[in-house]
Amino acid sequence: MIQPLFMLTALFNANEGVYSLLAHNQNPEEANRLRETWNPHLTPGLSLITLEQRSVHNTLEVQACRTCRATVRRSSGLQPLPKFRRRES
C-alpha cells in the first residue's frame, strides 16, 4: 500500500454538527503525532478526522483553506455533512 504524501486533520464536534481545521500539508508521521497529542484531551462528542490530500494546499493559514473544506466535504464520509466553523485561538 502506498502511503499518502500529505494529510489534513480536522476536529469534528458531533454534538454541534460542526468541524474545524487543525492542520494541513502534514506528512503521515506529523498527522499521527497530532492525533496522539490531541486524542487524550478530547471530550465525548469530539473526534479527530485525518484525511488524505491529493496535493499540497497553497493557502498558508489552514482556517482559510477552501481546498481543505472541499476535501472534508468530498472525503469525510460524515452524514449529515457538518458545517465548517473557524477554530478560535
Protein backbone atom coordinates (compact mmCIF):
# COMPACT_ATOMS: atom_id res chain seq x y z
CA MET A 1 0.00 0.00 0.00
CA ILE A 2 1.34 3.41 -0.94
CA GLN A 3 1.44 5.88 1.92
CA PRO A 4 -0.15 9.28 1.20
CA LEU A 5 2.19 12.23 0.89
CA PHE A 6 0.01 14.82 2.60
CA MET A 7 -2.68 14.73 5.26
CA LEU A 8 -5.14 17.19 6.75
CA THR A 9 -6.60 16.96 10.22
CA ALA A 10 -9.96 18.33 11.32
CA LEU A 11 -11.67 18.42 14.70
CA PHE A 12 -15.26 17.12 14.43
CA ASN A 13 -17.83 18.13 17.04
CA ALA A 14 -20.68 15.62 16.70
CA ASN A 15 -22.67 17.38 19.43
CA GLU A 16 -22.97 20.55 17.34
CA GLY A 17 -22.54 19.11 13.83
CA VAL A 18 -19.51 21.29 13.05
CA TYR A 19 -15.84 20.83 12.25
CA SER A 20 -12.73 23.00 12.42
CA LEU A 21 -9.50 22.58 10.54
CA LEU A 22 -6.40 21.95 12.64
CA ALA A 23 -3.59 21.25 10.17
CA HIS A 24 -2.88 20.53 6.53
CA ASN A 25 0.11 19.64 4.34
CA GLN A 26 1.36 17.27 7.02
CA ASN A 27 3.24 14.09 6.30
CA PRO A 28 1.64 10.96 7.82
CA GLU A 29 4.04 10.96 10.79
CA GLU A 30 3.17 14.57 11.67
CA ALA A 31 -0.54 13.80 11.39
CA ASN A 32 -0.12 10.79 13.67
CA ARG A 33 1.75 12.86 16.28
CA LEU A 34 -1.04 15.45 16.20
CA ARG A 35 -3.62 12.70 16.83
CA GLU A 36 -1.54 11.28 19.69
CA THR A 37 -1.29 14.74 21.25
CA TRP A 38 -4.97 15.67 20.93
CA ASN A 39 -6.80 12.36 21.49
CA PRO A 40 -6.23 12.11 25.27
CA HIS A 41 -7.75 15.58 25.72
CA LEU A 42 -10.91 15.15 23.65
CA THR A 43 -14.24 15.15 25.45
CA PRO A 44 -17.22 12.97 24.43
CA GLY A 45 -18.62 14.04 21.06
CA LEU A 46 -15.28 15.38 19.80
CA SER A 47 -13.05 13.42 17.44
CA LEU A 48 -10.22 13.99 15.02
CA ILE A 49 -10.59 13.24 11.34
CA THR A 50 -7.44 12.71 9.29
CA LEU A 51 -7.86 12.74 5.52
CA GLU A 52 -5.50 12.27 2.59
CA GLN A 53 -4.82 15.32 0.48
CA ARG A 54 -4.50 14.92 -3.28
CA SER A 55 -1.85 17.65 -3.43
CA VAL A 56 -0.23 20.42 -1.39
CA HIS A 57 -2.69 23.11 -0.36
CA ASN A 58 -1.25 26.53 -1.19
CA THR A 59 -3.15 28.52 1.44
CA LEU A 60 -0.82 29.18 4.35
CA GLU A 61 -3.48 29.62 7.06
CA VAL A 62 -5.35 26.33 7.45
CA GLN A 63 -8.54 28.05 8.70
CA ALA A 64 -8.75 29.93 5.38
CA CYS A 65 -8.07 26.90 3.17
CA ARG A 66 -11.03 26.29 0.86
CA THR A 67 -9.32 23.20 -0.57
CA CYS A 68 -9.32 21.62 2.90
CA ARG A 69 -13.04 22.32 3.26
CA ALA A 70 -13.70 20.75 -0.15
CA THR A 71 -11.66 17.70 0.89
CA VAL A 72 -13.73 17.30 4.07
CA ARG A 73 -16.96 17.56 2.06
CA ARG A 74 -15.72 15.05 -0.52
CA SER A 75 -13.88 12.53 1.65
CA SER A 76 -15.04 12.62 5.28
CA GLY A 77 -17.97 10.24 4.87
CA LEU A 78 -19.86 12.15 7.57
CA GLN A 79 -23.63 12.29 7.16
CA PRO A 80 -25.17 14.72 7.51
CA LEU A 81 -22.21 16.78 6.41
CA PRO A 82 -21.10 19.03 9.29
CA LYS A 83 -20.76 22.77 8.86
CA PHE A 84 -17.36 24.44 8.92
CA ARG A 85 -16.57 26.62 11.94
CA ARG A 86 -13.35 28.58 12.29
CA ARG A 87 -11.40 27.45 15.31
CA GLU A 88 -10.96 30.07 17.99
CA SER A 89 -7.36 30.64 19.05
